C-alpha atoms as a PDB file:
ATOM      1  CA  MET A   1      97.000 104.765 137.876  1.00  0.00           C
ATOM      2  CA  THR A   2      98.661 104.511 134.429  1.00  0.00           C
ATOM      3  CA  ASP A   3      96.086 104.497 131.609  1.00  0.00           C
ATOM      4  CA  LEU A   4      95.540 101.273 129.753  1.00  0.00           C
ATOM      5  CA  VAL A   5      96.268 101.257 126.038  1.00  0.00           C
ATOM      6  CA  SER A   6      94.477  98.756 123.738  1.00  0.00           C
ATOM      7  CA  VAL A   7      96.554  97.514 120.867  1.00  0.00           C
ATOM      8  CA  LEU A   8      94.151  96.246 118.197  1.00  0.00           C
ATOM      9  CA  ILE A   9      95.512  93.748 115.650  1.00  0.00           C
ATOM     10  CA  PRO A  10      93.560  92.288 112.738  1.00  0.00           C
ATOM     11  CA  CYS A  11      95.238  89.113 111.640  1.00  0.00           C
ATOM     12  CA  HIS A  12      94.758  87.039 108.458  1.00  0.00           C
ATOM     13  CA  ASN A  13      97.502  84.639 107.375  1.00  0.00           C
ATOM     14  CA  ALA A  14     100.327  86.679 108.861  1.00  0.00           C
ATOM     15  CA  ALA A  15     102.257  83.749 110.375  1.00  0.00           C
ATOM     16  CA  PRO A  16     105.754  84.777 109.163  1.00  0.00           C
ATOM     17  CA  TRP A  17     105.475  88.192 110.893  1.00  0.00           C
ATOM     18  CA  LEU A  18     103.010  87.846 113.746  1.00  0.00           C
ATOM     19  CA  ALA A  19     105.511  86.959 116.516  1.00  0.00           C
ATOM     20  CA  ALA A  20     107.730  89.974 115.670  1.00  0.00           C
ATOM     21  CA  THR A  21     104.651  92.260 115.693  1.00  0.00           C
ATOM     22  CA  LEU A  22     103.585  91.028 119.161  1.00  0.00           C
ATOM     23  CA  ALA A  23     107.184  91.392 120.421  1.00  0.00           C
ATOM     24  CA  SER A  24     107.226  95.030 119.316  1.00  0.00           C
ATOM     25  CA  VAL A  25     104.080  95.667 121.351  1.00  0.00           C
ATOM     26  CA  ARG A  26     105.494  93.897 124.412  1.00  0.00           C
ATOM     27  CA  ALA A  27     108.679  95.947 124.104  1.00  0.00           C
ATOM     28  CA  GLN A  28     106.793  99.238 124.592  1.00  0.00           C
ATOM     29  CA  THR A  29     108.075 101.405 127.353  1.00  0.00           C
ATOM     30  CA  TRP A  30     104.434 102.339 128.237  1.00  0.00           C
ATOM     31  CA  PRO A  31     103.722  99.992 131.215  1.00  0.00           C
ATOM     32  CA  ARG A  32     100.051  99.083 130.576  1.00  0.00           C
ATOM     33  CA  CYS A  33      99.073  97.599 127.170  1.00  0.00           C
ATOM     34  CA  GLU A  34      96.470  95.040 126.368  1.00  0.00           C
ATOM     35  CA  ILE A  35      96.754  93.277 123.044  1.00  0.00           C
ATOM     36  CA  ILE A  36      93.670  92.127 121.220  1.00  0.00           C
ATOM     37  CA  VAL A  37      94.202  90.000 118.165  1.00  0.00           C
ATOM     38  CA  VAL A  38      91.271  89.094 115.883  1.00  0.00           C
ATOM     39  CA  ASP A  39      92.276  85.997 113.926  1.00  0.00           C
ATOM     40  CA  ASP A  40      90.172  86.626 110.822  1.00  0.00           C
ATOM     41  CA  GLY A  41      89.991  83.039 109.454  1.00  0.00           C
ATOM     42  CA  SER A  42      93.756  82.456 109.161  1.00  0.00           C
ATOM     43  CA  THR A  43      94.773  79.081 107.608  1.00  0.00           C
ATOM     44  CA  ASP A  44      98.585  79.425 107.825  1.00  0.00           C
ATOM     45  CA  GLY A  45      99.432  78.543 111.421  1.00  0.00           C
ATOM     46  CA  CYS A  46      98.616  81.892 113.046  1.00  0.00           C
ATOM     47  CA  GLY A  47      96.588  79.991 115.688  1.00  0.00           C
ATOM     48  CA  ALA A  48      99.575  78.024 116.849  1.00  0.00           C
ATOM     49  CA  ILE A  49     101.714  81.166 117.114  1.00  0.00           C
ATOM     50  CA  LEU A  50      99.073  82.932 119.147  1.00  0.00           C
ATOM     51  CA  GLU A  51      98.857  79.915 121.510  1.00  0.00           C
ATOM     52  CA  ALA A  52     102.616  80.073 121.931  1.00  0.00           C
ATOM     53  CA  GLN A  53     102.450  83.760 122.675  1.00  0.00           C
ATOM     54  CA  ALA A  54      99.706  83.409 125.253  1.00  0.00           C
ATOM     55  CA  GLY A  55      99.875  85.619 128.337  1.00  0.00           C
ATOM     56  CA  PRO A  56      97.630  87.824 130.545  1.00  0.00           C
ATOM     57  CA  ASP A  57      98.108  90.777 128.261  1.00  0.00           C
ATOM     58  CA  LEU A  58      96.877  88.908 125.122  1.00  0.00           C
ATOM     59  CA  THR A  59      93.230  88.360 124.146  1.00  0.00           C
ATOM     60  CA  VAL A  60      92.614  86.292 121.032  1.00  0.00           C
ATOM     61  CA  ILE A  61      89.259  86.429 119.204  1.00  0.00           C
ATOM     62  CA  ARG A  62      88.672  84.017 116.345  1.00  0.00           C
ATOM     63  CA  GLN A  63      86.133  84.486 113.583  1.00  0.00           C
ATOM     64  CA  GLU A  64      85.444  83.416 109.995  1.00  0.00           C
ATOM     65  CA  ASN A  65      87.174  85.513 107.379  1.00  0.00           C
ATOM     66  CA  ARG A  66      85.228  88.756 107.115  1.00  0.00           C
ATOM     67  CA  GLY A  67      87.924  91.225 106.116  1.00  0.00           C
ATOM     68  CA  ALA A  68      90.192  93.770 107.829  1.00  0.00           C
ATOM     69  CA  ALA A  69      87.525  96.296 108.702  1.00  0.00           C
ATOM     70  CA  ALA A  70      85.309  93.672 110.351  1.00  0.00           C
ATOM     71  CA  ALA A  71      88.342  92.337 112.342  1.00  0.00           C
ATOM     72  CA  ARG A  72      89.274  95.878 113.469  1.00  0.00           C
ATOM     73  CA  GLN A  73      85.689  96.594 114.517  1.00  0.00           C
ATOM     74  CA  ARG A  74      85.570  93.293 116.529  1.00  0.00           C
ATOM     75  CA  ALA A  75      88.771  94.275 118.277  1.00  0.00           C
ATOM     76  CA  LEU A  76      87.452  97.804 118.956  1.00  0.00           C
ATOM     77  CA  THR A  77      84.355  96.338 120.562  1.00  0.00           C
ATOM     78  CA  ALA A  78      86.508  94.304 122.944  1.00  0.00           C
ATOM     79  CA  ALA A  79      88.927  97.137 123.842  1.00  0.00           C
ATOM     80  CA  ARG A  80      89.030  98.420 127.385  1.00  0.00           C
ATOM     81  CA  GLY A  81      91.813 101.007 127.081  1.00  0.00           C
ATOM     82  CA  ALA A  82      91.750 104.790 127.449  1.00  0.00           C
ATOM     83  CA  TYR A  83      93.841 104.937 124.247  1.00  0.00           C
ATOM     84  CA  LEU A  84      93.645 102.891 121.104  1.00  0.00           C
ATOM     85  CA  GLN A  85      96.572 101.759 118.939  1.00  0.00           C
ATOM     86  CA  TYR A  86      95.722 100.042 115.645  1.00  0.00           C
ATOM     87  CA  LEU A  87      98.509  97.763 114.375  1.00  0.00           C
ATOM     88  CA  ASP A  88      98.454  95.404 111.312  1.00  0.00           C
ATOM     89  CA  ALA A  89      99.787  91.906 112.053  1.00  0.00           C
ATOM     90  CA  ASP A  90     102.902  92.429 109.844  1.00  0.00           C
ATOM     91  CA  ASP A  91     103.910  95.888 111.078  1.00  0.00           C
ATOM     92  CA  LEU A  92     106.049  97.040 113.991  1.00  0.00           C
ATOM     93  CA  LEU A  93     106.221  99.766 116.578  1.00  0.00           C
ATOM     94  CA  HIS A  94     109.309 101.538 118.064  1.00  0.00           C
ATOM     95  CA  PRO A  95     109.507 100.755 121.810  1.00  0.00           C
ATOM     96  CA  GLU A  96     108.805 104.397 122.770  1.00  0.00           C
ATOM     97  CA  LYS A  97     106.079 104.996 120.190  1.00  0.00           C
ATOM     98  CA  ILE A  98     103.085 104.844 122.506  1.00  0.00           C
ATOM     99  CA  ALA A  99     104.742 106.581 125.478  1.00  0.00           C
ATOM    100  CA  CYS A 100     105.784 109.602 123.370  1.00  0.00           C
ATOM    101  CA  GLN A 101     102.337 110.050 121.908  1.00  0.00           C
ATOM    102  CA  ILE A 102     100.578 109.790 125.281  1.00  0.00           C
ATOM    103  CA  ALA A 103     102.918 112.459 126.720  1.00  0.00           C
ATOM    104  CA  ARG A 104     102.034 114.757 123.851  1.00  0.00           C
ATOM    105  CA  LEU A 105      98.260 114.145 124.163  1.00  0.00           C
ATOM    106  CA  ARG A 106      98.314 114.656 127.853  1.00  0.00           C
ATOM    107  CA  ALA A 107     100.190 117.924 127.448  1.00  0.00           C
ATOM    108  CA  GLU A 108      97.578 119.318 124.995  1.00  0.00           C
ATOM    109  CA  GLY A 109      94.368 117.460 125.869  1.00  0.00           C
ATOM    110  CA  ASP A 110      92.847 114.202 124.725  1.00  0.00           C
ATOM    111  CA  ARG A 111      90.525 115.897 122.271  1.00  0.00           C
ATOM    112  CA  HIS A 112      93.389 115.605 119.785  1.00  0.00           C
ATOM    113  CA  ILE A 113      94.795 112.549 118.083  1.00  0.00           C
ATOM    114  CA  ALA A 114      98.508 111.811 117.822  1.00  0.00           C
ATOM    115  CA  SER A 115     100.395 110.792 114.610  1.00  0.00           C
ATOM    116  CA  ALA A 116     103.972 109.526 114.171  1.00  0.00           C
ATOM    117  CA  ARG A 117     106.720 109.097 111.695  1.00  0.00           C
ATOM    118  CA  TRP A 118     106.586 105.878 109.709  1.00  0.00           C
ATOM    119  CA  VAL A 119     108.832 104.107 107.200  1.00  0.00           C
ATOM    120  CA  ARG A 120     108.391 101.283 104.764  1.00  0.00           C
ATOM    121  CA  PHE A 121     110.368  98.097 104.883  1.00  0.00           C
ATOM    122  CA  ALA A 122     110.041  94.623 103.358  1.00  0.00           C
ATOM    123  CA  GLY A 123     112.249  92.204 105.364  1.00  0.00           C
ATOM    124  CA  ALA A 124     113.936  92.571 108.721  1.00  0.00           C
ATOM    125  CA  ARG A 125     113.386  95.841 110.594  1.00  0.00           C
ATOM    126  CA  ASP A 126     116.938  96.974 110.038  1.00  0.00           C
ATOM    127  CA  GLU A 127     116.146  97.117 106.281  1.00  0.00           C
ATOM    128  CA  ALA A 128     113.761 100.050 106.879  1.00  0.00           C
ATOM    129  CA  ALA A 129     116.450 102.595 105.967  1.00  0.00           C
ATOM    130  CA  ALA A 130     116.452 101.249 102.435  1.00  0.00           C
ATOM    131  CA  PHE A 131     112.817 102.269 101.978  1.00  0.00           C
ATOM    132  CA  ARG A 132     110.974 105.583 101.933  1.00  0.00           C
ATOM    133  CA  ALA A 133     111.815 107.703 104.947  1.00  0.00           C
ATOM    134  CA  ALA A 134     111.259 111.149 103.508  1.00  0.00           C
ATOM    135  CA  PRO A 135     108.680 113.258 105.411  1.00  0.00           C
ATOM    136  CA  GLU A 136     105.078 113.115 104.229  1.00  0.00           C
ATOM    137  CA  SER A 137     103.143 116.263 103.445  1.00  0.00           C
ATOM    138  CA  ASN A 138     100.917 115.564 106.456  1.00  0.00           C
ATOM    139  CA  TRP A 139     103.701 115.214 109.053  1.00  0.00           C
ATOM    140  CA  GLY A 140     103.064 118.073 111.414  1.00  0.00           C
ATOM    141  CA  ASP A 141     100.513 119.674 113.724  1.00  0.00           C
ATOM    142  CA  PHE A 142      97.301 120.502 111.922  1.00  0.00           C
ATOM    143  CA  ALA A 143      93.733 121.529 112.480  1.00  0.00           C
ATOM    144  CA  PRO A 144      91.343 118.857 111.119  1.00  0.00           C
ATOM    145  CA  ALA A 145      90.562 120.516 107.773  1.00  0.00           C
ATOM    146  CA  ASP A 146      94.161 121.590 107.273  1.00  0.00           C
ATOM    147  CA  TYR A 147      95.351 117.992 107.731  1.00  0.00           C
ATOM    148  CA  LEU A 148      92.932 116.558 105.304  1.00  0.00           C
ATOM    149  CA  VAL A 149      93.755 119.212 102.705  1.00  0.00           C
ATOM    150  CA  ALA A 150      97.432 118.407 103.017  1.00  0.00           C
ATOM    151  CA  THR A 151      96.754 114.672 102.776  1.00  0.00           C
ATOM    152  CA  PHE A 152      94.302 114.751  99.858  1.00  0.00           C
ATOM    153  CA  ALA A 153      96.236 117.313  97.824  1.00  0.00           C
ATOM    154  CA  ALA A 154      99.577 115.572  97.947  1.00  0.00           C
ATOM    155  CA  GLY A 155      98.489 111.939  98.188  1.00  0.00           C
ATOM    156  CA  GLY A 156      99.817 111.521 101.760  1.00  0.00           C
ATOM    157  CA  MET A 157      99.167 108.159 103.408  1.00  0.00           C
ATOM    158  CA  MET A 158      97.430 107.743 106.779  1.00  0.00           C
ATOM    159  CA  HIS A 159      99.296 104.665 108.003  1.00  0.00           C
ATOM    160  CA  PRO A 160      97.156 102.903 110.641  1.00  0.00           C
ATOM    161  CA  ALA A 161      99.992 102.119 113.069  1.00  0.00           C
ATOM    162  CA  ALA A 162     101.127 105.776 113.100  1.00  0.00           C
ATOM    163  CA  TRP A 163      98.048 106.947 115.057  1.00  0.00           C
ATOM    164  CA  LEU A 164      97.121 106.879 118.725  1.00  0.00           C
ATOM    165  CA  LEU A 165      93.466 107.672 119.486  1.00  0.00           C
ATOM    166  CA  PRO A 166      91.959 108.699 122.785  1.00  0.00           C
ATOM    167  CA  ARG A 167      88.849 106.674 123.474  1.00  0.00           C
ATOM    168  CA  ALA A 168      86.666 109.863 123.478  1.00  0.00           C
ATOM    169  CA  VAL A 169      87.785 110.616 119.887  1.00  0.00           C
ATOM    170  CA  ALA A 170      87.232 106.981 118.807  1.00  0.00           C
ATOM    171  CA  GLU A 171      83.702 107.074 120.181  1.00  0.00           C
ATOM    172  CA  ARG A 172      82.942 110.256 118.149  1.00  0.00           C
ATOM    173  CA  THR A 173      84.474 108.607 115.054  1.00  0.00           C
ATOM    174  CA  GLY A 174      82.040 105.781 114.986  1.00  0.00           C
ATOM    175  CA  PRO A 175      82.478 102.178 113.760  1.00  0.00           C
ATOM    176  CA  TRP A 176      84.610 100.748 110.968  1.00  0.00           C
ATOM    177  CA  LEU A 177      82.709 100.270 107.714  1.00  0.00           C
ATOM    178  CA  GLU A 178      82.800  96.544 107.088  1.00  0.00           C
ATOM    179  CA  SER A 179      81.500  96.913 103.507  1.00  0.00           C
ATOM    180  CA  LEU A 180      84.837  98.470 102.487  1.00  0.00           C
ATOM    181  CA  SER A 181      87.931  96.557 101.474  1.00  0.00           C
ATOM    182  CA  LEU A 182      90.662  98.611  99.797  1.00  0.00           C
ATOM    183  CA  ASP A 183      91.520 101.699 101.814  1.00  0.00           C
ATOM    184  CA  ASP A 184      88.990 101.075 104.604  1.00  0.00           C
ATOM    185  CA  ASP A 185      91.610 102.511 106.989  1.00  0.00           C
ATOM    186  CA  GLY A 186      91.915 105.707 105.036  1.00  0.00           C
ATOM    187  CA  GLU A 187      88.122 106.296 105.358  1.00  0.00           C
ATOM    188  CA  TYR A 188      88.157 105.519 109.104  1.00  0.00           C
ATOM    189  CA  PHE A 189      91.071 107.805 109.940  1.00  0.00           C
ATOM    190  CA  THR A 190      89.618 110.605 107.834  1.00  0.00           C
ATOM    191  CA  ARG A 191      86.624 110.479 110.125  1.00  0.00           C
ATOM    192  CA  ALA A 192      88.877 110.257 113.182  1.00  0.00           C
ATOM    193  CA  VAL A 193      90.700 113.470 112.188  1.00  0.00           C
ATOM    194  CA  ALA A 194      87.421 115.191 111.585  1.00  0.00           C
ATOM    195  CA  ALA A 195      86.100 114.061 115.035  1.00  0.00           C
ATOM    196  CA  SER A 196      89.225 115.423 116.794  1.00  0.00           C
ATOM    197  CA  ALA A 197      90.382 118.880 117.825  1.00  0.00           C
ATOM    198  CA  GLY A 198      93.360 118.393 115.538  1.00  0.00           C
ATOM    199  CA  VAL A 199      96.410 116.236 114.799  1.00  0.00           C
ATOM    200  CA  ARG A 200      99.476 116.368 116.981  1.00  0.00           C
ATOM    201  CA  PHE A 201     102.562 115.070 115.304  1.00  0.00           C
ATOM    202  CA  CYS A 202     105.174 113.247 117.445  1.00  0.00           C
ATOM    203  CA  PRO A 203     108.490 113.088 115.579  1.00  0.00           C
ATOM    204  CA  ASP A 204     110.023 110.860 118.239  1.00  0.00           C
ATOM    205  CA  SER A 205     107.398 108.220 117.695  1.00  0.00           C
ATOM    206  CA  LEU A 206     107.904 105.737 114.887  1.00  0.00           C
ATOM    207  CA  ALA A 207     106.083 102.855 113.197  1.00  0.00           C
ATOM    208  CA  TRP A 208     107.333 100.434 110.561  1.00  0.00           C
ATOM    209  CA  TYR A 209     105.085  99.636 107.625  1.00  0.00           C
ATOM    210  CA  ARG A 210     105.871  96.309 105.940  1.00  0.00           C
ATOM    211  CA  SER A 211     105.017  96.647 102.203  1.00  0.00           C
ATOM    212  CA  ASN A 212     105.397  94.819  98.925  1.00  0.00           C
ATOM    213  CA  LEU A 213     103.927  91.595 100.246  1.00  0.00           C
ATOM    214  CA  ASP A 214     102.317  89.063  97.874  1.00  0.00           C
ATOM    215  CA  GLY A 215      98.569  88.901  98.384  1.00  0.00           C
ATOM    216  CA  SER A 216      98.313  91.967 100.582  1.00  0.00           C
ATOM    217  CA  LEU A 217      95.028  93.800 100.580  1.00  0.00           C
ATOM    218  CA  SER A 218      96.676  97.089  99.636  1.00  0.00           C
ATOM    219  CA  GLY A 219      98.202  95.394  96.527  1.00  0.00           C
ATOM    220  CA  ARG A 220      94.941  94.055  95.173  1.00  0.00           C
ATOM    221  CA  ARG A 221      93.751  95.574  91.895  1.00  0.00           C
ATOM    222  CA  SER A 222      90.412  93.842  91.267  1.00  0.00           C
ATOM    223  CA  PRO A 223      87.426  95.881  90.046  1.00  0.00           C
ATOM    224  CA  ALA A 224      85.697  95.259  93.398  1.00  0.00           C
ATOM    225  CA  ALA A 225      88.761  96.703  95.254  1.00  0.00           C
ATOM    226  CA  TRP A 226      88.659  99.791  93.048  1.00  0.00           C
ATOM    227  CA  ARG A 227      84.979 100.231  93.712  1.00  0.00           C
ATOM    228  CA  SER A 228      85.807 100.169  97.381  1.00  0.00           C
ATOM    229  CA  ALA A 229      88.511 102.800  96.853  1.00  0.00           C
ATOM    230  CA  ALA A 230      85.923 104.955  95.071  1.00  0.00           C
ATOM    231  CA  GLU A 231      83.526 104.692  97.905  1.00  0.00           C
ATOM    232  CA  VAL A 232      86.275 105.651 100.283  1.00  0.00           C
ATOM    233  CA  CYS A 233      87.076 108.662  98.166  1.00  0.00           C
ATOM    234  CA  ARG A 234      83.450 109.665  98.077  1.00  0.00           C
ATOM    235  CA  ARG A 235      82.987 109.366 101.859  1.00  0.00           C
ATOM    236  CA  SER A 236      86.329 110.954 102.664  1.00  0.00           C
ATOM    237  CA  THR A 237      85.906 113.964 100.422  1.00  0.00           C
ATOM    238  CA  ALA A 238      82.381 114.490 101.767  1.00  0.00           C
ATOM    239  CA  THR A 239      83.819 114.469 105.320  1.00  0.00           C
ATOM    240  CA  LEU A 240      86.317 117.249 104.383  1.00  0.00           C
ATOM    241  CA  LEU A 241      83.642 119.303 102.613  1.00  0.00           C
ATOM    242  CA  ASP A 242      81.426 119.026 105.660  1.00  0.00           C
ATOM    243  CA  LEU A 243      84.283 120.566 107.725  1.00  0.00           C
ATOM    244  CA  GLU A 244      84.958 123.323 105.211  1.00  0.00           C
ATOM    245  CA  THR A 245      83.635 124.109 101.708  1.00  0.00           C
ATOM    246  CA  SER A 246      86.026 126.451 100.016  1.00  0.00           C
ATOM    247  CA  PRO A 247      88.168 126.667  96.868  1.00  0.00           C
ATOM    248  CA  ARG A 248      91.119 125.009  98.672  1.00  0.00           C
ATOM    249  CA  THR A 249      89.095 122.034  99.981  1.00  0.00           C
ATOM    250  CA  ARG A 250      87.368 121.548  96.662  1.00  0.00           C
ATOM    251  CA  ARG A 251      90.724 121.572  94.926  1.00  0.00           C
ATOM    252  CA  ALA A 252      92.127 119.035  97.402  1.00  0.00           C
ATOM    253  CA  CYS A 253      89.126 116.762  96.810  1.00  0.00           C
ATOM    254  CA  ALA A 254      89.500 117.093  93.109  1.00  0.00           C
ATOM    255  CA  LEU A 255      93.099 116.070  93.273  1.00  0.00           C
ATOM    256  CA  TYR A 256      92.125 112.997  95.382  1.00  0.00           C
ATOM    257  CA  TRP A 257      89.628 111.987  92.625  1.00  0.00           C
ATOM    258  CA  GLN A 258      92.208 112.622  89.906  1.00  0.00           C
ATOM    259  CA  ARG A 259      94.765 110.468  91.705  1.00  0.00           C
ATOM    260  CA  LEU A 260      92.212 107.654  92.011  1.00  0.00           C
ATOM    261  CA  ALA A 261      91.286 107.936  88.320  1.00  0.00           C
ATOM    262  CA  PHE A 262      94.969 107.337  87.337  1.00  0.00           C
ATOM    263  CA  ALA A 263      95.581 104.576  89.880  1.00  0.00           C
ATOM    264  CA  ALA A 264      92.447 102.592  88.959  1.00  0.00           C
ATOM    265  CA  TYR A 265      93.090 102.495  85.196  1.00  0.00           C
ATOM    266  CA  PRO A 266      92.788 100.112  83.414  1.00  0.00           C
ATOM    267  CA  GLU A 267      91.472  97.470  85.878  1.00  0.00           C
ATOM    268  CA  GLY A 268      88.774  99.788  87.180  1.00  0.00           C
ATOM    269  CA  CYS A 269      87.743 101.720  84.001  1.00  0.00           C
ATOM    270  CA  ASP A 270      84.299 102.475  85.521  1.00  0.00           C
ATOM    271  CA  VAL A 271      85.966 103.966  88.587  1.00  0.00           C
ATOM    272  CA  THR A 272      88.318 106.041  86.374  1.00  0.00           C
ATOM    273  CA  ALA A 273      85.361 107.485  84.516  1.00  0.00           C
ATOM    274  CA  LEU A 274      83.535 108.323  87.741  1.00  0.00           C
ATOM    275  CA  ALA A 275      86.602 109.830  89.297  1.00  0.00           C
ATOM    276  CA  LEU A 276      87.378 112.071  86.362  1.00  0.00           C
ATOM    277  CA  ARG A 277      83.768 113.288  86.357  1.00  0.00           C
ATOM    278  CA  ARG A 278      83.811 114.062  90.043  1.00  0.00           C
ATOM    279  CA  ALA A 279      87.146 115.875  89.823  1.00  0.00           C
ATOM    280  CA  GLY A 280      85.823 118.049  87.053  1.00  0.00           C
ATOM    281  CA  GLU A 281      82.731 118.913  89.082  1.00  0.00           C
ATOM    282  CA  LEU A 282      84.762 119.983  92.067  1.00  0.00           C
ATOM    283  CA  ASP A 283      87.497 121.930  90.278  1.00  0.00           C
ATOM    284  CA  PRO A 284      87.762 121.852  86.454  1.00  0.00           C
ATOM    285  CA  SER A 285      91.269 123.349  86.577  1.00  0.00           C
ATOM    286  CA  VAL A 286      92.783 120.327  88.305  1.00  0.00           C
ATOM    287  CA  ALA A 287      94.786 118.048  86.021  1.00  0.00           C
ATOM    288  CA  ARG A 288      96.203 114.559  86.481  1.00  0.00           C
ATOM    289  CA  PRO A 289      99.019 114.581  89.005  1.00  0.00           C
ATOM    290  CA  PRO A 290     102.358 114.118  87.242  1.00  0.00           C
ATOM    291  CA  ALA A 291     104.042 110.682  87.146  1.00  0.00           C
ATOM    292  CA  GLY A 292     107.710 109.878  86.565  1.00  0.00           C
ATOM    293  CA  PRO A 293     109.648 111.526  83.691  1.00  0.00           C
ATOM    294  CA  GLY A 294     109.683 108.334  81.620  1.00  0.00           C
ATOM    295  CA  PHE A 295     105.928 107.887  81.916  1.00  0.00           C
ATOM    296  CA  GLU A 296     105.328 111.586  81.059  1.00  0.00           C
ATOM    297  CA  ARG A 297     107.446 111.361  77.864  1.00  0.00           C
ATOM    298  CA  LEU A 298     105.522 108.298  76.718  1.00  0.00           C
ATOM    299  CA  ALA A 299     102.128 109.865  77.663  1.00  0.00           C
ATOM    300  CA  ARG A 300     102.820 112.909  75.487  1.00  0.00           C
ATOM    301  CA  ILE A 301     103.118 110.499  72.524  1.00  0.00           C
ATOM    302  CA  THR A 302     100.420 107.906  73.278  1.00  0.00           C
ATOM    303  CA  GLY A 303      98.170 109.608  75.740  1.00  0.00           C
ATOM    304  CA  TRP A 304      98.158 108.782  79.419  1.00  0.00           C
ATOM    305  CA  LYS A 305      95.700 105.883  79.176  1.00  0.00           C
ATOM    306  CA  LEU A 306      97.756 103.849  76.726  1.00  0.00           C
ATOM    307  CA  ALA A 307     100.925 104.789  78.612  1.00  0.00           C
ATOM    308  CA  ARG A 308      99.236 103.437  81.796  1.00  0.00           C
ATOM    309  CA  ARG A 309      98.353 100.135  80.109  1.00  0.00           C
ATOM    310  CA  LEU A 310     101.890  99.699  78.912  1.00  0.00           C
ATOM    311  CA  GLN A 311     103.183 100.512  82.361  1.00  0.00           C
ATOM    312  CA  ARG A 312     100.897  97.925  84.003  1.00  0.00           C
ATOM    313  CA  ALA A 313     101.824  95.291  81.416  1.00  0.00           C
ATOM    314  CA  LEU A 314     105.537  95.842  82.085  1.00  0.00           C
ATOM    315  CA  ARG A 315     105.035  95.546  85.851  1.00  0.00           C
ATOM    316  CA  ARG A 316     103.263  92.218  85.420  1.00  0.00           C
END
């Protein structure tokens, strides 16, 4: 019998995009998918869309707004599939995404996890070509520590929809941490990589990541969000160092902290101070990752902190 795949969708006020996201799941060439949507306190009409999309493949769970990690954990608890596909309510999957990844995992064993190509877009799916499509540093086959070094050192993103997890790996990964907000998915998938036998990249699989949305969690810059990001960095770097403590892993972790220090300033000054201190403890030779040429010219005159303040002011 064909294995069941559970597609797990946290949903909060995603009415403009939810129907297209569900359609991309139902267009999968893999013949057995269950869709579990956790409506996390939406107030924008998502409920009516889910009622209109009702079918035997769709389970809807409603809860008060508790955040993305809590919604993902609720969906995970309800999942029955042998494979797990996480998908945000505004993102999309290529029709052959799941089938390609299952074929790869079956060929090499379900102790691995599968990753895919992904591209950013903002409007209709055919606009994806206008956004970043260049390969990430972590697109490839990796042992767990190698993957995390490549990701932390170069700032590679672990897009949730790009992954396919066998249930056995998900069970070793453990639950989502509901106390986290910003980058809770980065912390979870760091643990998933560490719990696996390695990452298997499927270049014929593709996910679309809708970005630059007003009010999106990833766009929040509150002090609380930056504290969540710092906790993610602490946990994620500890996960890598538990796998391997060496000059290369310490350097990768230091670069992760340096990148956080730059990103959090000036809204999260306390996080910046913490991050710089942790980076120096791990590898004192690691410096701030370079920014664009205009920023670097200004930083040479004013220092990077004032340049960062001016940059943030101009963006607002």
